[in-house]
Protein backbone atom coordinates (compact mmCIF):
# COMPACT_ATOMS: atom_id res chain seq x y z
CA MET A 1 18.88 -24.26 110.59
CA ASP A 2 22.00 -24.02 112.76
CA PRO A 3 24.92 -23.70 110.31
CA PHE A 4 27.34 -25.54 112.61
CA SER A 5 27.20 -29.13 111.45
CA LEU A 6 29.49 -32.08 110.91
CA ASP A 7 26.94 -34.04 108.89
CA HIS A 8 28.95 -33.45 105.71
CA LEU A 9 31.84 -35.54 107.06
CA THR A 10 32.17 -39.27 106.46
CA PRO A 11 32.52 -41.52 109.54
CA THR A 12 36.27 -41.72 108.95
CA GLU A 13 36.56 -37.95 108.51
CA PHE A 14 34.65 -37.43 111.76
CA GLU A 15 37.07 -39.69 113.62
CA GLU A 16 39.96 -37.78 112.08
CA PHE A 17 38.31 -34.50 113.12
CA CYS A 18 38.09 -35.80 116.71
CA TYR A 19 41.75 -36.85 116.54
CA ASP A 20 42.84 -33.38 115.38
CA LEU A 21 40.59 -31.65 117.92
CA LEU A 22 42.11 -33.59 120.81
CA HIS A 23 45.58 -32.54 119.60
CA GLU A 24 44.41 -28.90 119.49
CA LEU A 25 43.06 -29.17 123.04
CA GLY A 26 46.42 -30.26 124.41
CA PHE A 27 46.02 -34.02 124.68
CA VAL A 28 49.23 -35.99 124.09
CA ASN A 29 50.12 -39.45 122.75
CA VAL A 30 46.93 -39.39 120.71
CA ASP A 31 46.52 -42.76 119.00
CA TRP A 32 43.78 -43.16 116.37
CA ARG A 33 43.02 -46.86 116.40
CA LYS A 34 41.71 -47.10 112.85
CA GLY A 35 44.06 -49.70 111.57
CA THR A 36 42.26 -50.31 108.25
CA GLY A 37 41.60 -48.48 105.01
CA LEU A 38 37.86 -49.06 105.29
CA PRO A 39 35.43 -46.12 105.59
CA ALA A 40 35.03 -46.89 109.29
CA SER A 41 36.92 -48.91 111.87
CA PRO A 42 35.27 -52.28 112.50
CA SER A 43 37.73 -53.50 115.10
CA ASP A 44 38.37 -50.57 117.43
CA ARG A 45 36.55 -52.42 120.25
CA GLY A 46 34.81 -49.40 121.68
CA ARG A 47 37.60 -46.87 121.71
CA ASP A 48 38.38 -45.17 118.44
CA ILE A 49 41.10 -43.02 120.01
CA GLU A 50 43.40 -43.44 122.99
CA CYS A 51 45.18 -40.42 124.40
CA GLU A 52 46.64 -38.90 127.53
CA ARG A 53 46.18 -35.61 129.32
CA ARG A 54 48.74 -34.09 131.66
CA VAL A 55 47.13 -32.48 134.71
CA LYS A 56 48.89 -29.96 136.93
CA GLU A 57 47.90 -29.94 140.60
CA VAL A 58 47.71 -26.82 142.77
CA ASP A 59 51.08 -27.68 144.34
CA GLY A 60 52.75 -27.79 140.93
CA LYS A 61 53.00 -31.57 140.67
CA GLU A 62 51.81 -33.24 137.47
CA HIS A 63 50.17 -36.54 136.72
CA THR A 64 48.97 -38.18 133.52
CA GLU A 65 45.39 -39.31 132.85
CA LYS A 66 44.52 -42.05 130.36
CA TRP A 67 41.51 -41.34 128.10
CA PHE A 68 39.54 -43.68 125.85
CA VAL A 69 37.53 -41.85 123.19
CA GLU A 70 34.55 -43.28 121.32
CA CYS A 71 33.40 -41.34 118.22
CA LYS A 72 29.73 -41.60 117.15
CA HIS A 73 28.80 -40.02 113.82
CA HIS A 74 24.98 -40.23 113.71
CA LYS A 75 22.47 -37.79 112.24
CA LYS A 76 19.91 -38.86 114.83
CA GLY A 77 20.26 -39.27 118.59
CA VAL A 78 22.64 -42.03 119.63
CA SER A 79 20.75 -44.86 121.37
CA PRO A 80 21.92 -46.64 124.57
CA ASP A 81 22.86 -49.88 122.83
CA LYS A 82 25.50 -48.03 120.79
CA LEU A 83 27.43 -47.30 123.99
CA ASP A 84 27.84 -50.84 125.30
CA GLY A 85 31.08 -51.58 123.43
CA ALA A 86 32.83 -48.52 124.83
CA LEU A 87 31.64 -49.21 128.39
CA THR A 88 32.69 -52.86 128.20
CA TRP A 89 36.19 -52.03 126.96
CA ALA A 90 36.66 -49.25 129.50
CA THR A 91 35.57 -51.59 132.29
CA ALA A 92 38.17 -54.14 131.17
CA LYS A 93 41.09 -51.74 130.60
CA ARG A 94 40.26 -49.15 133.28
CA PRO A 95 41.27 -45.78 131.80
CA ASP A 96 40.82 -42.64 133.89
CA TRP A 97 38.19 -41.24 131.52
CA LEU A 98 35.80 -42.54 128.88
CA LEU A 99 34.91 -39.71 126.47
CA ILE A 100 32.05 -40.18 124.00
CA ILE A 101 32.10 -37.65 121.14
CA VAL A 102 28.91 -37.49 119.07
CA SER A 103 28.50 -35.41 115.93
CA ASN A 104 24.94 -34.50 116.90
CA PHE A 105 23.32 -35.60 120.17
CA LEU A 106 22.92 -38.49 122.56
CA SER A 107 19.30 -39.51 122.93
CA ASN A 108 17.71 -38.83 126.32
CA PRO A 109 17.53 -42.60 127.00
CA ALA A 110 21.27 -42.77 126.30
CA LYS A 111 22.01 -39.97 128.79
CA GLU A 112 19.84 -41.67 131.40
CA TYR A 113 21.59 -44.98 130.66
CA LEU A 114 25.01 -43.43 131.29
CA GLN A 115 23.79 -41.83 134.51
CA GLU A 116 22.28 -45.10 135.75
CA TYR A 117 25.41 -47.02 134.71
CA SER A 118 27.63 -44.72 136.78
CA GLN A 119 25.34 -44.92 139.81
CA SER A 120 24.81 -48.70 139.65
CA ASN A 121 28.28 -49.91 138.63
CA ARG A 122 30.50 -47.24 140.18
CA PRO A 123 33.14 -47.70 137.48
CA THR A 124 36.77 -46.84 138.14
CA PHE A 125 36.66 -44.41 135.22
CA LYS A 126 34.75 -41.18 134.80
CA ILE A 127 32.37 -40.68 131.88
CA ARG A 128 32.04 -37.51 129.80
CA TYR A 129 30.32 -36.80 126.53
CA TRP A 130 30.63 -34.02 123.98
CA GLU A 131 27.65 -33.23 121.77
CA LYS A 132 27.18 -30.88 118.84
CA PRO A 133 27.03 -27.66 120.95
CA ASP A 134 30.19 -28.70 122.81
CA LEU A 135 32.03 -29.32 119.55
CA GLY A 136 30.90 -25.96 118.19
CA ARG A 137 32.30 -24.28 121.29
CA LEU A 138 35.55 -26.23 121.28
CA VAL A 139 36.27 -25.63 117.59
CA ALA A 140 35.57 -21.88 117.78
CA GLY A 141 38.75 -19.89 117.15
CA LYS A 142 40.67 -22.83 115.71
CA GLY A 143 40.99 -21.55 112.15
CA GLU A 144 43.07 -24.40 110.72
CA LEU A 145 40.62 -27.01 112.01
CA ILE A 146 37.66 -25.02 110.66
CA ARG A 147 39.22 -24.74 107.21
CA LYS A 148 40.38 -28.37 107.01
CA TYR A 149 36.94 -29.78 107.80
CA ARG A 150 34.92 -27.10 105.99
CA ILE A 151 33.07 -26.02 109.13
CA GLN A 152 30.70 -23.05 109.15
CA LEU A 153 30.19 -21.08 112.36
CA SER A 154 28.63 -17.82 111.17
CA ASP A 155 25.06 -16.83 110.38
CA ARG A 156 23.66 -18.62 113.38
CA PRO A 157 19.87 -18.37 113.72
CA CYS A 158 18.38 -15.83 116.07
CA PRO A 159 17.80 -17.57 119.40
CA ALA A 160 14.54 -17.36 121.28
CA SER A 161 13.96 -14.03 123.00
CA LYS A 162 15.22 -13.48 126.51
CA GLU A 163 11.69 -13.61 127.95
CA GLU A 164 11.00 -16.90 126.16
CA ALA A 165 14.26 -18.32 127.48
CA ILE A 166 13.39 -17.32 131.06
CA GLU A 167 9.92 -18.85 130.81
CA ARG A 168 11.32 -22.06 129.37
CA LEU A 169 13.83 -22.35 132.21
CA LYS A 170 11.08 -21.76 134.80
CA LYS A 171 8.93 -24.46 133.20
CA LEU A 172 11.81 -26.94 133.21
CA ALA A 173 12.47 -26.11 136.88
CA GLN A 174 8.80 -26.59 137.80
CA ASP A 175 8.81 -29.96 136.03
CA LYS A 176 12.08 -30.86 137.79
CA ASN A 177 13.49 -31.78 134.40
CA ARG A 178 17.18 -32.00 135.32
CA ILE A 179 18.36 -33.20 131.92
CA GLY A 180 16.31 -30.50 130.19
CA ILE A 181 17.74 -27.74 132.40
CA HIS A 182 21.27 -29.05 131.95
CA ASP A 183 21.00 -29.22 128.16
CA PHE A 184 19.23 -25.85 127.86
CA VAL A 185 21.75 -23.89 129.95
CA ARG A 186 24.70 -25.65 128.33
CA GLN A 187 23.33 -24.88 124.87
CA ARG A 188 22.93 -21.17 125.70
CA THR A 189 26.43 -21.14 127.19
CA ASP A 190 27.88 -22.68 124.05
CA GLU A 191 26.04 -20.13 121.90
CA LEU A 192 27.59 -17.34 123.97
CA VAL A 193 31.10 -18.80 123.75
CA ILE A 194 30.86 -19.21 119.98
CA SER A 195 29.56 -15.65 119.59
CA LEU A 196 32.57 -14.38 121.55
CA ALA A 197 35.11 -16.28 119.46
CA GLU A 198 37.94 -14.41 117.76
CA GLU A 199 36.18 -14.55 114.38
CA SER A 200 33.37 -12.42 115.81
CA LEU A 201 35.23 -10.29 118.35
CA PRO A 202 38.92 -9.92 117.43
CA PRO A 203 41.21 -8.67 120.24
CA LEU A 204 41.44 -4.91 120.73
CA GLU A 205 44.71 -3.52 119.38
CA SER A 206 46.90 -0.91 121.04
CA THR A 207 45.51 1.71 118.68
CA ALA A 208 41.95 1.18 119.98
CA ASP A 209 40.46 4.34 121.46
CA ALA A 210 37.73 4.96 124.04
CA GLU A 211 35.03 4.71 121.36
CA LYS A 212 36.18 1.22 120.32
CA LEU A 213 36.41 0.13 123.94
CA GLU A 214 32.87 1.35 124.56
CA ALA A 215 31.63 -0.51 121.48
CA ARG A 216 33.34 -3.71 122.64
CA LEU A 217 31.81 -3.52 126.12
CA GLN A 218 28.36 -2.95 124.61
CA GLU A 219 28.83 -5.98 122.35
CA CYS A 220 29.77 -8.14 125.32
CA GLU A 221 26.76 -6.93 127.29
CA ALA A 222 24.36 -7.60 124.42
CA LYS A 223 25.71 -11.09 123.74
CA THR A 224 25.63 -12.04 127.44
CA ASP A 225 22.20 -10.60 128.23
CA THR A 226 20.09 -13.76 127.83
CA LEU A 227 22.46 -16.07 129.69
CA SER A 228 22.82 -13.40 132.39
CA ALA A 229 19.03 -13.48 132.83
CA LEU A 230 19.11 -17.28 133.04
CA PHE A 231 21.82 -17.14 135.71
CA ALA A 232 19.84 -14.67 137.82
CA ASN A 233 16.44 -16.36 137.47
CA GLY A 234 17.71 -19.94 137.37
CA ILE A 235 19.72 -19.64 140.57
CA TYR A 236 16.92 -17.63 142.23
CA TRP A 237 14.41 -20.42 141.57
CA THR A 238 16.61 -23.50 142.02
CA GLY A 239 19.24 -22.52 144.59
CA THR A 240 22.04 -25.07 144.82
CA ASP A 241 20.16 -27.83 142.96
CA TYR A 242 22.26 -27.25 139.84
CA ASP A 243 25.40 -25.76 141.33
CA SER A 244 27.81 -27.73 139.14
CA LEU A 245 25.94 -26.61 136.01
CA TRP A 246 26.35 -22.92 136.84
CA VAL A 247 29.99 -23.44 137.81
CA GLN A 248 30.74 -25.15 134.49
CA SER A 249 28.90 -22.45 132.55
CA LEU A 250 30.88 -19.70 134.27
CA GLU A 251 34.16 -21.51 133.62
CA ARG A 252 33.35 -21.87 129.91
CA ALA A 253 32.58 -18.17 129.59
CA ALA A 254 35.89 -17.32 131.27
CA ASN A 255 38.05 -19.65 129.17
CA LEU A 256 38.09 -17.76 125.88
CA GLU A 257 41.05 -18.06 123.53
CA THR A 258 41.01 -14.31 122.87
CA ARG A 259 42.13 -13.58 126.44
CA GLY A 260 45.70 -12.35 126.63
CA LYS A 261 45.74 -11.04 123.07
CA GLY A 262 45.71 -7.48 121.77
CA ALA A 263 46.55 -4.28 123.64
CA SER A 264 48.21 -4.71 127.03
CA TRP A 265 45.49 -2.74 128.79
CA ALA A 266 42.76 -4.86 127.19
CA VAL A 267 44.09 -8.41 127.65
CA ASN A 268 41.40 -9.29 130.18
CA ILE A 269 38.43 -7.61 128.46
CA PRO A 270 37.30 -11.07 127.20
CA LEU A 271 36.54 -11.90 130.86
CA TYR A 272 33.84 -9.22 130.99
CA PRO A 273 30.98 -11.60 129.97
CA ALA A 274 32.02 -14.01 132.75
CA LEU A 275 32.02 -11.11 135.23
CA ILE A 276 28.47 -10.24 134.16
CA LEU A 277 27.41 -13.85 134.80
CA LEU A 278 29.12 -13.87 138.20
CA TYR A 279 27.33 -10.71 139.33
CA SER A 280 23.98 -11.92 137.93
CA GLY A 281 24.21 -15.32 139.62
CA CYS A 282 25.39 -14.03 143.00
CA ILE A 283 22.90 -11.18 143.26
CA GLY A 284 20.10 -13.47 142.06
CA ALA A 285 21.11 -15.93 144.78
CA MET A 286 21.17 -13.17 147.42
CA ALA A 287 17.64 -12.13 146.41
CA LYS A 288 16.48 -15.54 147.69
CA SER A 289 19.09 -15.80 150.49
CA HIS A 290 20.89 -18.67 148.72
CA TYR A 291 24.26 -17.81 150.25
CA ASP A 292 25.51 -21.36 149.65
CA MET A 293 25.26 -20.56 145.95
CA VAL A 294 27.04 -17.23 146.41
CA ALA A 295 29.92 -19.08 148.06
CA THR A 296 29.93 -21.70 145.30
CA LEU A 297 30.17 -19.11 142.52
CA LEU A 298 32.87 -17.11 144.28
CA LEU A 299 35.09 -20.03 145.29
CA LYS A 300 34.60 -23.11 143.09
CA PRO A 301 35.05 -22.10 139.42
CA ARG A 302 38.63 -22.12 138.17
CA ILE A 303 39.56 -19.00 136.21
CA PRO A 304 42.83 -18.88 134.23
CA GLU A 305 45.34 -16.54 135.86
CA GLY A 306 48.77 -16.51 134.29
CA SER A 307 50.12 -20.06 134.26
CA SER A 308 47.70 -21.25 136.93
CA CYS A 309 44.06 -20.82 137.96
CA ALA A 310 42.28 -18.98 140.74
CA CYS A 311 38.72 -18.65 142.00
CA PRO A 312 36.44 -15.81 140.78
CA ALA A 313 36.77 -13.91 144.07
CA LEU A 314 40.45 -13.40 143.16
CA ALA A 315 40.62 -13.59 139.37
CA LEU A 316 37.22 -12.29 138.22
CA THR A 317 36.83 -8.77 139.57
CA THR A 318 36.44 -5.33 138.04
CA CYS A 319 40.08 -4.61 138.88
CA GLU A 320 41.34 -7.67 137.05
CA ILE A 321 39.27 -7.04 133.95
CA MET A 322 39.66 -3.39 133.12
CA GLU A 323 40.67 -0.80 135.66
CA LYS A 324 44.04 -2.28 136.49
CA HIS A 325 45.04 -2.19 132.82
CA LYS A 326 43.38 1.07 131.83
CA TYR A 327 44.51 3.38 134.59
CA PRO A 328 47.88 3.91 136.33
CA ARG A 329 48.26 2.20 139.68
CA GLY A 330 47.32 4.54 142.52
CA ALA A 331 45.03 6.71 140.40
CA ILE A 332 42.08 7.86 142.44
CA HIS A 333 39.44 6.23 140.26
CA TRP A 334 41.11 3.03 139.14
CA ARG A 335 38.86 0.55 140.99
CA VAL A 336 35.35 1.82 140.39
CA PRO A 337 34.08 2.76 136.88
CA LEU A 338 33.18 -0.76 135.70
CA SER A 339 30.92 -1.22 138.74
CA ARG A 340 28.78 1.72 137.71
CA ARG A 341 28.42 0.15 134.28
CA LEU A 342 27.46 -3.25 135.70
CA TYR A 343 24.81 -1.72 137.93
CA GLY A 344 23.12 -0.23 134.88
CA CYS A 345 23.37 -3.15 132.45
CA LEU A 346 22.23 -5.77 135.00
CA GLY A 347 19.28 -3.75 136.24
CA GLU A 348 16.68 -5.11 133.80
CA ASN A 349 17.48 -8.73 134.62
CA LEU A 350 17.81 -8.33 138.38
CA LYS A 351 15.21 -5.74 139.36
CA ARG A 352 12.42 -8.21 138.58
CA LEU A 353 13.66 -10.32 141.51
CA PHE A 354 13.18 -7.50 144.02
CA SER A 355 10.07 -5.71 145.23
CA LEU A 356 11.63 -2.25 145.02
CA GLU A 357 14.47 -0.74 142.99
CA THR A 358 16.10 0.33 146.26
CA ASP A 359 16.24 -3.36 147.23
CA TYR A 360 18.20 -4.06 144.05
CA GLN A 361 20.60 -1.22 144.86
CA THR A 362 21.12 -2.55 148.38
CA ALA A 363 21.74 -6.09 147.13
CA PHE A 364 24.17 -4.89 144.44
CA ASP A 365 26.17 -2.78 146.90
CA THR A 366 26.14 -5.50 149.56
CA PHE A 367 27.43 -8.06 147.08
CA GLU A 368 30.28 -5.80 145.92
CA CYS A 369 31.23 -5.11 149.52
CA LEU A 370 31.11 -8.82 150.39
CA LEU A 371 33.12 -9.68 147.26
CA GLY A 372 35.79 -7.18 148.28
CA MET A 373 36.09 -8.63 151.79
CA VAL A 374 36.27 -12.20 150.46
CA ASN A 375 38.99 -11.04 148.06
CA VAL A 376 40.98 -9.55 150.94
CA ASP A 377 40.50 -12.69 153.05
CA LEU A 378 41.80 -14.93 150.29
CA ALA A 379 44.70 -12.56 149.59
CA LEU A 380 45.74 -12.54 153.26
CA ASN A 381 45.60 -16.32 153.51
CA SER A 382 47.18 -17.23 150.16
CA LYS A 383 50.70 -18.51 149.75
CA PRO A 384 52.51 -16.43 148.79
CA ARG A 385 50.36 -13.68 150.24
CA ARG A 386 48.76 -11.37 147.69
CA PRO A 387 48.67 -7.56 148.04
CA THR A 388 45.37 -6.25 149.40
CA GLU A 389 45.86 -2.91 147.63
CA ASP A 390 44.28 -4.54 144.58
CA SER A 391 41.10 -5.48 146.42
CA PRO A 392 38.00 -4.44 144.42
CA LEU A 393 35.91 -1.62 145.75
CA GLY A 394 32.50 -1.04 144.24
CA LEU A 395 29.88 1.47 143.29
CA PHE A 396 29.03 1.90 146.99
CA ALA A 397 32.37 3.73 147.34
CA VAL A 398 31.20 6.52 145.01
CA ARG A 399 27.43 6.16 145.24
CA HIS A 400 27.36 9.89 146.10
CA ASP A 401 29.29 12.12 143.71
CA ASP A 402 30.12 14.57 146.50
CA PRO A 403 33.16 13.12 148.34
CA PHE A 404 32.28 15.28 151.37
CA ALA A 405 28.70 13.96 151.67
CA PRO A 406 27.72 11.57 154.53
CA ASP A 407 29.64 8.38 153.88
CA TYR A 408 27.24 5.80 152.46
CA GLY A 409 30.01 3.28 151.89
CA GLN A 410 31.26 3.52 155.48
CA SER A 411 27.72 2.93 156.74
CA LEU A 412 27.31 -0.12 154.50
CA LEU A 413 30.57 -1.65 155.72
CA GLN A 414 29.60 -1.11 159.34
CA LYS A 415 26.12 -2.55 158.74
CA ILE A 416 27.61 -5.78 157.37
CA VAL A 417 30.04 -6.06 160.29
CA ASN A 418 27.22 -5.45 162.80
CA GLU A 419 25.05 -8.16 161.18
CA ALA A 420 27.92 -10.63 161.30
CA THR A 421 28.94 -9.97 164.91
CA SER A 422 25.34 -10.04 166.17
CA THR A 423 24.55 -13.43 164.61
CA ARG A 424 28.11 -14.84 164.58
CA ASP A 425 28.14 -18.48 163.37
CA ALA A 426 24.53 -18.12 162.16
CA TRP A 427 25.47 -15.31 159.74
CA PRO A 428 24.55 -16.74 156.30
CA PRO A 429 27.86 -15.98 154.52
CA LEU A 430 29.80 -17.76 157.30
CA LYS A 431 27.39 -20.72 157.32
CA ALA A 432 27.89 -20.98 153.55
CA GLY A 433 31.66 -21.35 154.00
CA LEU A 434 32.95 -17.90 153.10
CA PHE A 435 35.95 -16.84 155.21
CA GLU A 436 36.32 -20.60 155.92
CA GLY A 437 33.38 -20.19 158.30
CA SER A 438 35.62 -18.26 160.70
CA MET A 439 34.42 -15.07 162.41
CA GLU A 440 38.05 -14.23 163.21
CA ARG A 441 39.01 -14.37 159.54
CA PHE A 442 35.98 -12.29 158.58
CA LEU A 443 36.80 -9.54 161.09
CA MET A 444 40.43 -9.48 159.95
CA ALA A 445 39.36 -9.13 156.30
CA ALA A 446 36.72 -6.52 157.14
CA SER A 447 39.27 -4.44 159.07
CA ARG A 448 41.81 -4.53 156.23
CA TYR A 449 39.13 -3.80 153.64
CA LYS A 450 37.92 -0.83 155.70
CA GLN A 451 41.46 0.55 155.69
CA GLU A 452 41.61 0.27 151.89
CA PHE A 453 38.24 1.99 151.61
CA GLU A 454 39.22 4.84 153.92
CA LEU A 455 42.45 5.38 152.00
CA PHE A 456 40.48 5.53 148.77
CA GLN A 457 38.05 8.06 150.24
CA ALA A 458 40.87 10.19 151.63
CA ARG A 459 42.48 10.41 148.19
CA ARG A 460 39.12 11.18 146.69
CA ARG A 461 38.48 14.05 149.08
CA HIS A 462 41.97 15.36 148.44
CA ARG A 463 41.25 15.57 144.73
CA ALA A 464 37.67 16.78 145.31
CA ARG A 465 36.84 16.65 141.58
CA PRO A 466 34.27 13.83 141.39
CA ASN A 467 32.74 14.97 138.11
CA ASP A 468 36.13 14.81 136.42
CA LEU A 469 36.92 11.39 137.81
CA TYR A 470 33.79 9.33 137.46
């Protein structure tokens, strides 16, 4: 049995738990509309809690959203009729969001009812629900909340094997079971996030050595392996049918509370699982020529970056996660080692999607090259403009240990440029919206990226000690 449970709480305690959780998540003006000393609130009229959330726009302006929160403490699935009071009150008072928090699960008829209600009535408010897996994810790392409500997160049962998970996802896709796919991927995402919480993987301290770093990277790879396989296979088989699901899953994996803690060179190591998912999803999409999905994964998710957010093509690269913090700026090898590691750990999940191992190598190198050029394009067109010296290179840059060997990386770059210029607007990455669909922007980014690559290779040849550096 899954140890995470809120069944031991009374209805009033569950409402209080929701109240405290909303405070922890940054909501303000949280008003618990209990109003009586009874075990539950008989007169809350469909919203147990009212609160507000301040939202910061990309231009720095802020606005406030009004949320109504309905708390449902049921040991069985919540039925559709239990939601009518909340929907009626939200329709009358028109908040920005109606949030339904359930201690276990909504029944499938209830989920379908909410979906049909939104489509048929087009309410002025948006509807969201949090179920047991969501609560487990949200409470992870919040020690005071865990202690106050006597919540257990450890000793989780062994999940189904990776192969069983892949087969289940394929079956759900064949049956076109959208709710099943959504719930299955979200559950596996929540399991990953909980397993990466600070209680399980505390931040690396400044005294951590190479052995501890290696152990941490191996832990991240092992914990992410099943979801990585689901990203690769799920996107391969379904394309853009579930694009918002994969985007949300990637964002959850990237929003860990342990980020920014510990040694200065390791503050972004908690992003490594999200990077694994990004590579798996994009290369899986490329195996089936789903470039729309590649563009979605690179541009749509919002990844925390300082006090703001950025897309994965800028904020979720090998440079951002490890090399930039581990090695001095300008060092010959600072942009490459993590790529070699990713190529090895992703091989088992991705090679099955290709006929030959060389096809996997080509897809991996092409993706890293494309990622680097998208990164440069976004850097050149951002305000303020970002430096392109931080653009991520990839394993293709050092695929041959001999820096004086025929330049594989140069050939790959030229091949991509030739494909783009020969097909122009029909080139799949442009059609998918990368480089804003502009051939001019692509060529500008490719030219700048080529300069960065040539500078890297020149430094590498000057050192001429590849075995010492990689």
